[in-house]
Amino acid sequence: PLTTGAQYAQANSIFVSGEDVYTAGFVEYNRLNYVATYWKNGKAFSLTQENQFANINSIFVSKTGDVYTAGDIYNGSVRVATYWKNQEAISLTDGTQYAGLSSIFVSDAGDVYAAGREKNGTNYVAKYWKNGKVVALTDGTQNAGLQSIFVSGNDVYVGGYEFDVATYWKNGTKVALTETGTWAAIGCRFVSGDGVYA
């Protein structure tokens, strides 16, 4: 157990680095706000203030031991796509449209990839960011979002959905895994050798 049960809490992601176990999510404060939180071997680290509403959906520990977490912070009007390096917050959207991050990955070269979605006023657009630079994978004519990201060598794989179709993209090229008509999405991806698993 990471919490006592006195407050609502949720763990959304886990990562193991050597002997250390990292878990990330949120802890409710005063029935009003969620505090973005990660745990290292059971010890809690709060990333946001108690008067904010925030969440972590993904955690990754780099080769250098830096802890990266990704999610969103509510600014009073919309959610802002945000990731943290250790305990420093980095906003990837400007706070004018709803946005959030679902997955984060740090390459061996130190490049930071974060995947999620941002609203265009009508629909959500599937997007990922590399070192803060955005790459839009859909045109915004229908709802789409990214749930996971994985980097293998020079190849960037992201998985999620477009409309009701489970979809992944390799270097921007779309691969639909289901047909329209029954809702589906990809929640997690992994690449091993030549095998792509979703």
N, C-alpha and C. Protein backbone atom coordinates (compact mmCIF):
# COMPACT_ATOMS: atom_id res chain seq x y z
N PRO A 1 0.83 -1.22 0.00
CA PRO A 1 0.00 0.00 0.00
C PRO A 1 0.86 1.27 0.00
N LEU A 2 0.46 2.23 -0.84
CA LEU A 2 1.20 3.50 -0.91
C LEU A 2 0.52 4.59 -0.10
N THR A 3 -0.76 4.42 0.20
CA THR A 3 -1.50 5.39 1.01
C THR A 3 -2.28 4.63 2.08
N THR A 4 -2.82 5.37 3.03
CA THR A 4 -3.48 4.76 4.19
C THR A 4 -4.95 4.45 3.97
N GLY A 5 -5.54 5.02 2.92
CA GLY A 5 -6.96 4.86 2.70
C GLY A 5 -7.79 5.99 3.27
N ALA A 6 -7.15 6.92 3.95
CA ALA A 6 -7.87 8.06 4.51
C ALA A 6 -8.32 9.03 3.42
N GLN A 7 -7.60 9.04 2.29
CA GLN A 7 -7.93 9.90 1.16
C GLN A 7 -7.98 9.06 -0.11
N TYR A 8 -8.78 9.52 -1.06
CA TYR A 8 -8.81 8.84 -2.35
C TYR A 8 -7.47 9.04 -3.04
N ALA A 9 -6.96 7.98 -3.62
CA ALA A 9 -5.68 8.05 -4.32
C ALA A 9 -5.68 7.04 -5.46
N GLN A 10 -4.81 7.27 -6.43
CA GLN A 10 -4.77 6.38 -7.58
C GLN A 10 -3.35 6.31 -8.13
N ALA A 11 -2.91 5.11 -8.47
CA ALA A 11 -1.63 4.90 -9.13
C ALA A 11 -1.88 4.55 -10.59
N ASN A 12 -1.26 5.29 -11.50
CA ASN A 12 -1.51 5.11 -12.94
C ASN A 12 -0.35 4.51 -13.71
N SER A 13 0.86 4.52 -13.13
CA SER A 13 2.02 4.08 -13.88
C SER A 13 3.09 3.57 -12.92
N ILE A 14 3.89 2.62 -13.38
CA ILE A 14 4.96 2.06 -12.55
C ILE A 14 6.21 1.87 -13.40
N PHE A 15 7.38 2.04 -12.78
CA PHE A 15 8.66 1.90 -13.48
C PHE A 15 9.67 1.34 -12.48
N VAL A 16 10.47 0.38 -12.93
CA VAL A 16 11.50 -0.21 -12.08
C VAL A 16 12.87 0.15 -12.65
N SER A 17 13.73 0.70 -11.79
CA SER A 17 15.10 1.05 -12.16
C SER A 17 16.04 0.44 -11.14
N GLY A 18 16.76 -0.59 -11.55
CA GLY A 18 17.62 -1.30 -10.60
C GLY A 18 16.80 -1.91 -9.49
N GLU A 19 17.11 -1.52 -8.25
CA GLU A 19 16.37 -2.03 -7.09
C GLU A 19 15.21 -1.12 -6.70
N ASP A 20 15.05 0.00 -7.41
CA ASP A 20 14.06 1.00 -7.02
C ASP A 20 12.77 0.86 -7.81
N VAL A 21 11.64 0.98 -7.10
CA VAL A 21 10.32 0.91 -7.71
C VAL A 21 9.66 2.28 -7.62
N TYR A 22 9.28 2.82 -8.77
CA TYR A 22 8.64 4.13 -8.87
C TYR A 22 7.20 3.94 -9.32
N THR A 23 6.29 4.64 -8.67
CA THR A 23 4.87 4.61 -9.00
C THR A 23 4.37 6.05 -9.06
N ALA A 24 3.41 6.31 -9.95
CA ALA A 24 2.95 7.70 -10.11
C ALA A 24 1.44 7.76 -10.26
N GLY A 25 0.85 8.85 -9.76
CA GLY A 25 -0.59 9.07 -9.87
C GLY A 25 -1.00 10.35 -9.18
N PHE A 26 -1.93 10.25 -8.22
CA PHE A 26 -2.36 11.43 -7.49
C PHE A 26 -2.92 11.02 -6.13
N VAL A 27 -3.00 12.01 -5.24
CA VAL A 27 -3.62 11.85 -3.94
C VAL A 27 -4.62 12.99 -3.75
N GLU A 28 -5.83 12.65 -3.33
CA GLU A 28 -6.85 13.67 -3.10
C GLU A 28 -6.49 14.51 -1.88
N TYR A 29 -6.77 15.82 -1.97
CA TYR A 29 -6.59 16.70 -0.82
C TYR A 29 -7.91 17.39 -0.50
N ASN A 30 -8.41 17.20 0.70
CA ASN A 30 -9.58 17.92 1.22
C ASN A 30 -10.81 17.78 0.31
N ARG A 31 -10.92 16.64 -0.38
CA ARG A 31 -12.06 16.35 -1.25
C ARG A 31 -12.25 17.35 -2.39
N LEU A 32 -11.25 18.17 -2.65
CA LEU A 32 -11.38 19.21 -3.66
C LEU A 32 -10.38 19.06 -4.79
N ASN A 33 -9.13 18.77 -4.46
CA ASN A 33 -8.07 18.78 -5.43
C ASN A 33 -7.30 17.47 -5.43
N TYR A 34 -6.66 17.19 -6.56
CA TYR A 34 -5.76 16.05 -6.66
C TYR A 34 -4.33 16.59 -6.70
N VAL A 35 -3.47 16.06 -5.84
CA VAL A 35 -2.07 16.46 -5.82
C VAL A 35 -1.28 15.44 -6.64
N ALA A 36 -0.60 15.91 -7.70
CA ALA A 36 0.23 15.03 -8.52
C ALA A 36 1.35 14.47 -7.64
N THR A 37 1.47 13.14 -7.61
CA THR A 37 2.37 12.50 -6.66
C THR A 37 3.06 11.31 -7.31
N TYR A 38 4.34 11.12 -6.97
CA TYR A 38 4.98 9.84 -7.29
C TYR A 38 5.63 9.28 -6.04
N TRP A 39 5.82 7.99 -6.03
CA TRP A 39 6.42 7.29 -4.91
C TRP A 39 7.67 6.55 -5.36
N LYS A 40 8.73 6.67 -4.59
CA LYS A 40 9.94 5.88 -4.81
C LYS A 40 10.10 4.95 -3.62
N ASN A 41 9.97 3.66 -3.88
CA ASN A 41 10.05 2.66 -2.82
C ASN A 41 9.11 2.99 -1.66
N GLY A 42 7.93 3.51 -2.01
CA GLY A 42 6.92 3.81 -1.00
C GLY A 42 6.97 5.20 -0.42
N LYS A 43 8.02 5.96 -0.67
CA LYS A 43 8.13 7.33 -0.17
C LYS A 43 7.49 8.29 -1.16
N ALA A 44 6.56 9.13 -0.68
CA ALA A 44 5.79 10.01 -1.55
C ALA A 44 6.54 11.31 -1.84
N PHE A 45 6.41 11.77 -3.09
CA PHE A 45 6.94 13.07 -3.52
C PHE A 45 5.79 13.82 -4.18
N SER A 46 5.37 14.92 -3.59
CA SER A 46 4.29 15.74 -4.14
C SER A 46 4.86 16.74 -5.14
N LEU A 47 4.24 16.82 -6.31
CA LEU A 47 4.74 17.69 -7.37
C LEU A 47 3.92 18.97 -7.54
N THR A 48 2.72 19.01 -6.96
CA THR A 48 1.88 20.20 -7.06
C THR A 48 1.38 20.60 -5.68
N GLN A 49 0.85 21.82 -5.62
CA GLN A 49 0.35 22.35 -4.36
C GLN A 49 -1.04 21.78 -4.04
N GLU A 50 -1.43 21.89 -2.78
CA GLU A 50 -2.71 21.34 -2.35
C GLU A 50 -3.90 22.12 -2.88
N ASN A 51 -3.69 23.34 -3.36
CA ASN A 51 -4.79 24.14 -3.92
C ASN A 51 -4.90 23.99 -5.43
N GLN A 52 -4.18 23.03 -6.01
CA GLN A 52 -4.24 22.77 -7.44
C GLN A 52 -4.90 21.42 -7.70
N PHE A 53 -5.31 21.22 -8.94
CA PHE A 53 -5.88 19.95 -9.37
C PHE A 53 -4.95 19.41 -10.46
N ALA A 54 -4.28 18.29 -10.17
CA ALA A 54 -3.29 17.78 -11.11
C ALA A 54 -3.24 16.25 -11.03
N ASN A 55 -2.64 15.66 -12.05
CA ASN A 55 -2.59 14.20 -12.14
C ASN A 55 -1.35 13.78 -12.91
N ILE A 56 -0.80 12.62 -12.56
CA ILE A 56 0.29 12.01 -13.32
C ILE A 56 -0.21 10.71 -13.93
N ASN A 57 0.04 10.54 -15.22
CA ASN A 57 -0.36 9.33 -15.93
C ASN A 57 0.79 8.41 -16.29
N SER A 58 2.02 8.92 -16.24
CA SER A 58 3.15 8.13 -16.71
C SER A 58 4.42 8.54 -15.97
N ILE A 59 5.31 7.55 -15.73
CA ILE A 59 6.58 7.83 -15.07
C ILE A 59 7.69 7.07 -15.80
N PHE A 60 8.85 7.70 -15.89
CA PHE A 60 10.01 7.11 -16.56
C PHE A 60 11.27 7.59 -15.86
N VAL A 61 12.20 6.70 -15.60
CA VAL A 61 13.48 7.05 -14.99
C VAL A 61 14.57 6.89 -16.04
N SER A 62 15.31 7.97 -16.28
CA SER A 62 16.32 7.96 -17.34
C SER A 62 17.57 7.22 -16.89
N LYS A 63 18.48 7.01 -17.85
CA LYS A 63 19.74 6.34 -17.55
C LYS A 63 20.57 7.11 -16.53
N THR A 64 20.35 8.44 -16.47
CA THR A 64 21.10 9.28 -15.53
C THR A 64 20.44 9.34 -14.15
N GLY A 65 19.28 8.67 -14.01
CA GLY A 65 18.60 8.64 -12.72
C GLY A 65 17.59 9.75 -12.51
N ASP A 66 17.37 10.58 -13.54
CA ASP A 66 16.35 11.62 -13.42
C ASP A 66 14.96 11.01 -13.54
N VAL A 67 14.02 11.53 -12.75
CA VAL A 67 12.66 11.02 -12.73
C VAL A 67 11.78 11.94 -13.56
N TYR A 68 11.18 11.40 -14.61
CA TYR A 68 10.27 12.15 -15.47
C TYR A 68 8.85 11.64 -15.26
N THR A 69 7.92 12.56 -15.05
CA THR A 69 6.52 12.22 -14.90
C THR A 69 5.70 13.10 -15.84
N ALA A 70 4.56 12.59 -16.30
CA ALA A 70 3.77 13.33 -17.27
C ALA A 70 2.29 13.23 -16.94
N GLY A 71 1.58 14.33 -17.15
CA GLY A 71 0.14 14.37 -16.90
C GLY A 71 -0.44 15.71 -17.27
N ASP A 72 -1.13 16.35 -16.31
CA ASP A 72 -1.73 17.65 -16.58
C ASP A 72 -1.99 18.39 -15.28
N ILE A 73 -2.13 19.70 -15.40
CA ILE A 73 -2.50 20.58 -14.29
C ILE A 73 -3.67 21.44 -14.73
N TYR A 74 -4.69 21.53 -13.90
CA TYR A 74 -5.84 22.37 -14.19
C TYR A 74 -5.51 23.81 -13.79
N ASN A 75 -5.65 24.75 -14.72
CA ASN A 75 -5.27 26.14 -14.46
C ASN A 75 -6.44 27.02 -14.04
N GLY A 76 -7.59 26.40 -13.76
CA GLY A 76 -8.79 27.15 -13.42
C GLY A 76 -9.78 27.23 -14.56
N SER A 77 -9.28 26.99 -15.78
CA SER A 77 -10.14 26.99 -16.97
C SER A 77 -10.02 25.70 -17.76
N VAL A 78 -8.79 25.27 -18.01
CA VAL A 78 -8.53 24.06 -18.80
C VAL A 78 -7.36 23.30 -18.17
N ARG A 79 -7.19 22.08 -18.63
CA ARG A 79 -6.04 21.29 -18.22
C ARG A 79 -4.86 21.61 -19.14
N VAL A 80 -3.68 21.76 -18.56
CA VAL A 80 -2.47 22.09 -19.31
C VAL A 80 -1.57 20.86 -19.34
N ALA A 81 -1.17 20.43 -20.54
CA ALA A 81 -0.26 19.30 -20.68
C ALA A 81 1.08 19.65 -20.03
N THR A 82 1.49 18.83 -19.06
CA THR A 82 2.66 19.16 -18.25
C THR A 82 3.47 17.90 -17.97
N TYR A 83 4.81 18.06 -18.00
CA TYR A 83 5.65 16.99 -17.46
C TYR A 83 6.61 17.59 -16.46
N TRP A 84 7.12 16.74 -15.61
CA TRP A 84 8.06 17.14 -14.58
C TRP A 84 9.36 16.40 -14.76
N LYS A 85 10.48 17.13 -14.68
CA LYS A 85 11.79 16.48 -14.58
C LYS A 85 12.20 16.59 -13.12
N ASN A 86 12.28 15.47 -12.46
CA ASN A 86 12.41 15.44 -11.01
C ASN A 86 11.22 16.20 -10.42
N GLN A 87 11.39 17.39 -9.91
CA GLN A 87 10.24 18.11 -9.36
C GLN A 87 10.02 19.46 -10.03
N GLU A 88 10.62 19.64 -11.21
CA GLU A 88 10.45 20.88 -11.97
C GLU A 88 9.40 20.69 -13.05
N ALA A 89 8.33 21.51 -13.01
CA ALA A 89 7.24 21.41 -13.97
C ALA A 89 7.58 22.11 -15.28
N ILE A 90 7.24 21.46 -16.40
CA ILE A 90 7.45 22.02 -17.73
C ILE A 90 6.13 21.91 -18.50
N SER A 91 5.52 23.05 -18.83
CA SER A 91 4.25 23.07 -19.56
C SER A 91 4.51 22.96 -21.05
N LEU A 92 3.74 22.11 -21.72
CA LEU A 92 3.90 21.93 -23.16
C LEU A 92 2.80 22.61 -23.96
N THR A 93 1.72 23.03 -23.31
CA THR A 93 0.65 23.77 -23.98
C THR A 93 0.44 25.10 -23.27
N ASP A 94 -0.23 26.03 -23.96
CA ASP A 94 -0.31 27.41 -23.45
C ASP A 94 -1.50 27.67 -22.53
N GLY A 95 -2.33 26.65 -22.30
CA GLY A 95 -3.43 26.83 -21.37
C GLY A 95 -4.68 27.44 -21.96
N THR A 96 -4.77 27.53 -23.28
CA THR A 96 -5.98 28.07 -23.90
C THR A 96 -6.94 26.97 -24.33
N GLN A 97 -6.44 25.73 -24.47
CA GLN A 97 -7.26 24.59 -24.87
C GLN A 97 -6.97 23.41 -23.93
N TYR A 98 -7.97 22.56 -23.73
CA TYR A 98 -7.76 21.37 -22.92
C TYR A 98 -6.68 20.49 -23.54
N ALA A 99 -5.77 20.00 -22.68
CA ALA A 99 -4.68 19.15 -23.15
C ALA A 99 -4.18 18.29 -21.99
N GLY A 100 -3.55 17.19 -22.32
CA GLY A 100 -2.99 16.33 -21.29
C GLY A 100 -2.01 15.35 -21.89
N LEU A 101 -1.15 14.81 -21.03
CA LEU A 101 -0.15 13.82 -21.44
C LEU A 101 -0.48 12.48 -20.82
N SER A 102 -0.32 11.43 -21.62
CA SER A 102 -0.60 10.07 -21.15
C SER A 102 0.66 9.23 -21.01
N SER A 103 1.76 9.63 -21.66
CA SER A 103 2.94 8.79 -21.66
C SER A 103 4.19 9.63 -21.85
N ILE A 104 5.30 9.17 -21.26
CA ILE A 104 6.58 9.86 -21.41
C ILE A 104 7.69 8.83 -21.57
N PHE A 105 8.69 9.17 -22.38
CA PHE A 105 9.81 8.27 -22.67
C PHE A 105 11.05 9.13 -22.86
N VAL A 106 12.16 8.69 -22.28
CA VAL A 106 13.44 9.40 -22.43
C VAL A 106 14.41 8.46 -23.12
N SER A 107 14.95 8.89 -24.26
CA SER A 107 15.86 8.05 -25.02
C SER A 107 17.24 8.01 -24.35
N ASP A 108 18.06 7.08 -24.79
CA ASP A 108 19.42 6.98 -24.26
C ASP A 108 20.22 8.25 -24.53
N ALA A 109 19.84 8.99 -25.58
CA ALA A 109 20.52 10.24 -25.92
C ALA A 109 20.04 11.40 -25.06
N GLY A 110 19.01 11.16 -24.25
CA GLY A 110 18.50 12.22 -23.38
C GLY A 110 17.34 13.01 -23.95
N ASP A 111 16.84 12.62 -25.12
CA ASP A 111 15.68 13.31 -25.70
C ASP A 111 14.42 12.91 -24.95
N VAL A 112 13.57 13.89 -24.67
CA VAL A 112 12.34 13.67 -23.90
C VAL A 112 11.15 13.68 -24.84
N TYR A 113 10.43 12.56 -24.88
CA TYR A 113 9.24 12.41 -25.70
C TYR A 113 8.02 12.30 -24.78
N ALA A 114 6.99 13.09 -25.06
CA ALA A 114 5.76 13.04 -24.27
C ALA A 114 4.59 13.00 -25.23
N ALA A 115 3.61 12.11 -24.95
CA ALA A 115 2.50 11.90 -25.87
C ALA A 115 1.18 12.15 -25.17
N GLY A 116 0.20 12.68 -25.93
CA GLY A 116 -1.12 12.92 -25.36
C GLY A 116 -2.07 13.48 -26.40
N ARG A 117 -2.76 14.54 -26.02
CA ARG A 117 -3.73 15.15 -26.92
C ARG A 117 -3.96 16.60 -26.52
N GLU A 118 -4.44 17.39 -27.49
CA GLU A 118 -4.80 18.79 -27.24
C GLU A 118 -6.02 19.13 -28.07
N LYS A 119 -6.97 19.81 -27.45
CA LYS A 119 -8.21 20.17 -28.16
C LYS A 119 -7.97 21.32 -29.12
N ASN A 120 -8.66 21.30 -30.24
CA ASN A 120 -8.53 22.38 -31.22
C ASN A 120 -9.73 23.32 -31.19
N GLY A 121 -10.56 23.20 -30.15
CA GLY A 121 -11.78 23.97 -30.05
C GLY A 121 -13.00 23.10 -30.23
N THR A 122 -12.86 22.05 -31.04
CA THR A 122 -13.96 21.11 -31.29
C THR A 122 -13.58 19.69 -30.91
N ASN A 123 -12.45 19.22 -31.44
CA ASN A 123 -12.01 17.85 -31.22
C ASN A 123 -10.61 17.81 -30.61
N TYR A 124 -10.26 16.64 -30.09
CA TYR A 124 -8.90 16.44 -29.61
C TYR A 124 -8.00 15.99 -30.75
N VAL A 125 -6.80 16.54 -30.78
CA VAL A 125 -5.80 16.19 -31.79
C VAL A 125 -4.72 15.34 -31.13
N ALA A 126 -4.37 14.21 -31.74
CA ALA A 126 -3.29 13.35 -31.23
C ALA A 126 -1.96 14.03 -31.48
N LYS A 127 -1.19 14.23 -30.40
CA LYS A 127 0.08 14.94 -30.51
C LYS A 127 1.14 14.30 -29.63
N TYR A 128 2.40 14.44 -30.07
CA TYR A 128 3.50 14.17 -29.15
C TYR A 128 4.51 15.30 -29.26
N TRP A 129 5.32 15.43 -28.24
CA TRP A 129 6.33 16.48 -28.17
C TRP A 129 7.69 15.83 -28.00
N LYS A 130 8.66 16.31 -28.76
CA LYS A 130 10.05 15.90 -28.59
C LYS A 130 10.84 17.11 -28.12
N ASN A 131 11.32 17.05 -26.90
CA ASN A 131 12.06 18.17 -26.31
C ASN A 131 11.27 19.48 -26.43
N GLY A 132 9.95 19.37 -26.25
CA GLY A 132 9.09 20.56 -26.26
C GLY A 132 8.53 20.95 -27.61
N LYS A 133 9.03 20.34 -28.69
CA LYS A 133 8.55 20.66 -30.05
C LYS A 133 7.42 19.71 -30.41
N VAL A 134 6.27 20.27 -30.79
CA VAL A 134 5.07 19.48 -31.01
C VAL A 134 5.04 18.84 -32.39
N VAL A 135 4.48 17.61 -32.44
CA VAL A 135 4.21 16.90 -33.69
C VAL A 135 2.75 16.46 -33.64
N ALA A 136 1.92 17.03 -34.53
CA ALA A 136 0.50 16.65 -34.61
C ALA A 136 0.35 15.49 -35.59
N LEU A 137 -0.33 14.42 -35.16
CA LEU A 137 -0.48 13.24 -36.00
C LEU A 137 -1.85 13.13 -36.64
N THR A 138 -2.82 13.92 -36.18
CA THR A 138 -4.15 13.94 -36.79
C THR A 138 -4.53 15.38 -37.12
N ASP A 139 -5.53 15.53 -37.99
CA ASP A 139 -5.87 16.87 -38.48
C ASP A 139 -6.97 17.56 -37.68
N GLY A 140 -7.52 16.89 -36.67
CA GLY A 140 -8.51 17.53 -35.83
C GLY A 140 -9.93 17.46 -36.33
N THR A 141 -10.19 16.73 -37.42
CA THR A 141 -11.55 16.62 -37.93
C THR A 141 -12.37 15.62 -37.11
N GLN A 142 -11.69 14.75 -36.35
CA GLN A 142 -12.37 13.83 -35.44
C GLN A 142 -11.49 13.61 -34.22
N ASN A 143 -12.10 13.20 -33.13
CA ASN A 143 -11.36 13.03 -31.89
C ASN A 143 -10.27 11.98 -32.01
N ALA A 144 -9.12 12.29 -31.43
CA ALA A 144 -8.00 11.36 -31.44
C ALA A 144 -7.12 11.65 -30.23
N GLY A 145 -6.34 10.68 -29.83
CA GLY A 145 -5.43 10.87 -28.71
C GLY A 145 -4.38 9.79 -28.67
N LEU A 146 -3.30 10.07 -27.96
CA LEU A 146 -2.21 9.11 -27.81
C LEU A 146 -2.15 8.65 -26.36
N GLN A 147 -1.97 7.35 -26.17
CA GLN A 147 -1.92 6.76 -24.84
C GLN A 147 -0.53 6.28 -24.46
N SER A 148 0.36 6.09 -25.45
CA SER A 148 1.69 5.55 -25.13
C SER A 148 2.69 5.97 -26.18
N ILE A 149 3.96 6.00 -25.77
CA ILE A 149 5.05 6.32 -26.70
C ILE A 149 6.25 5.46 -26.36
N PHE A 150 6.95 5.03 -27.40
CA PHE A 150 8.13 4.19 -27.23
C PHE A 150 9.11 4.55 -28.35
N VAL A 151 10.38 4.69 -28.00
CA VAL A 151 11.41 5.05 -28.98
C VAL A 151 12.41 3.91 -29.06
N SER A 152 12.65 3.45 -30.28
CA SER A 152 13.61 2.37 -30.53
C SER A 152 14.57 2.84 -31.60
N GLY A 153 15.82 3.14 -31.21
CA GLY A 153 16.76 3.71 -32.17
C GLY A 153 16.28 5.05 -32.64
N ASN A 154 16.11 5.19 -33.96
CA ASN A 154 15.60 6.44 -34.53
C ASN A 154 14.10 6.41 -34.79
N ASP A 155 13.45 5.31 -34.40
CA ASP A 155 12.03 5.15 -34.69
C ASP A 155 11.18 5.55 -33.48
N VAL A 156 10.15 6.35 -33.76
CA VAL A 156 9.22 6.80 -32.71
C VAL A 156 7.88 6.12 -32.94
N TYR A 157 7.44 5.33 -31.96
CA TYR A 157 6.17 4.63 -32.03
C TYR A 157 5.22 5.25 -31.01
N VAL A 158 4.01 5.59 -31.44
CA VAL A 158 2.99 6.08 -30.52
C VAL A 158 1.70 5.32 -30.78
N GLY A 159 0.96 5.05 -29.71
CA GLY A 159 -0.28 4.31 -29.85
C GLY A 159 -1.43 5.03 -29.18
N GLY A 160 -2.62 4.83 -29.73
CA GLY A 160 -3.80 5.46 -29.17
C GLY A 160 -5.03 5.15 -29.98
N TYR A 161 -5.70 6.20 -30.44
CA TYR A 161 -6.93 6.01 -31.20
C TYR A 161 -7.16 7.22 -32.10
N GLU A 162 -7.91 7.00 -33.15
CA GLU A 162 -8.46 8.08 -33.98
C GLU A 162 -9.91 7.73 -34.25
N PHE A 163 -10.83 8.57 -33.80
CA PHE A 163 -12.26 8.30 -33.78
C PHE A 163 -12.49 7.04 -32.94
N ASP A 164 -12.92 5.93 -33.53
CA ASP A 164 -13.16 4.72 -32.74
C ASP A 164 -12.21 3.58 -33.13
N VAL A 165 -11.10 3.92 -33.77
CA VAL A 165 -10.17 2.91 -34.30
C VAL A 165 -8.88 2.89 -33.49
N ALA A 166 -8.50 1.70 -33.02
CA ALA A 166 -7.21 1.53 -32.35
C ALA A 166 -6.10 1.73 -33.38
N THR A 167 -5.19 2.64 -33.09
CA THR A 167 -4.23 3.10 -34.10
C THR A 167 -2.86 3.28 -33.47
N TYR A 168 -1.81 2.96 -34.26
CA TYR A 168 -0.48 3.41 -33.85
C TYR A 168 0.20 4.07 -35.04
N TRP A 169 1.18 4.88 -34.73
CA TRP A 169 1.96 5.58 -35.74
C TRP A 169 3.43 5.25 -35.56
N LYS A 170 4.12 4.96 -36.64
CA LYS A 170 5.57 4.78 -36.63
C LYS A 170 6.16 5.91 -37.45
N ASN A 171 6.89 6.79 -36.79
CA ASN A 171 7.50 7.95 -37.46
C ASN A 171 6.46 8.74 -38.26
N GLY A 172 5.25 8.85 -37.71
CA GLY A 172 4.20 9.63 -38.34
C GLY A 172 3.32 8.88 -39.31
N THR A 173 3.70 7.64 -39.65
CA THR A 173 2.89 6.84 -40.56
C THR A 173 1.85 6.05 -39.78
N LYS A 174 0.60 6.21 -40.16
CA LYS A 174 -0.52 5.64 -39.42
C LYS A 174 -0.73 4.17 -39.76
N VAL A 175 -1.00 3.36 -38.71
CA VAL A 175 -1.36 1.96 -38.88
C VAL A 175 -2.62 1.71 -38.06
N ALA A 176 -3.74 1.44 -38.73
CA ALA A 176 -5.00 1.15 -38.05
C ALA A 176 -5.06 -0.34 -37.74
N LEU A 177 -5.38 -0.68 -36.48
CA LEU A 177 -5.40 -2.08 -36.07
C LEU A 177 -6.82 -2.64 -35.98
N THR A 178 -7.81 -1.78 -35.96
CA THR A 178 -9.20 -2.25 -35.94
C THR A 178 -9.99 -1.47 -36.98
N GLU A 179 -11.22 -1.91 -37.21
CA GLU A 179 -12.09 -1.21 -38.15
C GLU A 179 -13.07 -0.33 -37.40
N THR A 180 -13.56 0.68 -38.05
CA THR A 180 -14.54 1.55 -37.43
C THR A 180 -15.84 0.80 -37.18
N GLY A 181 -16.56 1.22 -36.15
CA GLY A 181 -17.83 0.59 -35.83
C GLY A 181 -17.88 0.03 -34.43
N THR A 182 -16.74 -0.39 -33.91
CA THR A 182 -16.66 -0.80 -32.50
C THR A 182 -15.47 -0.09 -31.89
N TRP A 183 -15.70 0.66 -30.81
CA TRP A 183 -14.66 1.52 -30.26
C TRP A 183 -13.48 0.71 -29.75
N ALA A 184 -12.28 1.15 -30.06
CA ALA A 184 -11.05 0.48 -29.60
C ALA A 184 -9.94 1.51 -29.48
N ALA A 185 -8.96 1.22 -28.63
CA ALA A 185 -7.80 2.10 -28.45
C ALA A 185 -6.64 1.28 -27.97
N ILE A 186 -5.44 1.79 -28.18
CA ILE A 186 -4.21 1.16 -27.68
C ILE A 186 -3.80 1.86 -26.40
N GLY A 187 -3.62 1.08 -25.33
CA GLY A 187 -3.24 1.65 -24.05
C GLY A 187 -1.76 1.58 -23.77
N CYS A 188 -1.06 0.64 -24.38
CA CYS A 188 0.37 0.48 -24.09
C CYS A 188 1.05 -0.12 -25.30
N ARG A 189 2.34 0.28 -25.51
CA ARG A 189 3.10 -0.24 -26.65
C ARG A 189 4.49 -0.61 -26.18
N PHE A 190 5.07 -1.59 -26.90
CA PHE A 190 6.45 -1.97 -26.60
C PHE A 190 7.07 -2.51 -27.88
N VAL A 191 8.34 -2.22 -28.09
CA VAL A 191 9.06 -2.69 -29.26
C VAL A 191 10.24 -3.52 -28.78
N SER A 192 10.36 -4.73 -29.34
CA SER A 192 11.46 -5.62 -29.00
C SER A 192 12.00 -6.21 -30.29
N GLY A 193 13.21 -5.81 -30.67
CA GLY A 193 13.75 -6.26 -31.95
C GLY A 193 12.87 -5.77 -33.09
N ASP A 194 12.38 -6.70 -33.90
CA ASP A 194 11.50 -6.35 -35.01
C ASP A 194 10.03 -6.47 -34.62
N GLY A 195 9.76 -6.83 -33.37
CA GLY A 195 8.38 -7.02 -32.95
C GLY A 195 7.78 -5.76 -32.33
N VAL A 196 6.59 -5.37 -32.82
CA VAL A 196 5.86 -4.23 -32.27
C VAL A 196 4.63 -4.78 -31.56
N TYR A 197 4.53 -4.55 -30.26
CA TYR A 197 3.44 -5.09 -29.46
C TYR A 197 2.55 -3.95 -28.96
N ALA A 198 1.23 -4.15 -29.07
CA ALA A 198 0.28 -3.12 -28.64
C ALA A 198 -0.85 -3.76 -27.85
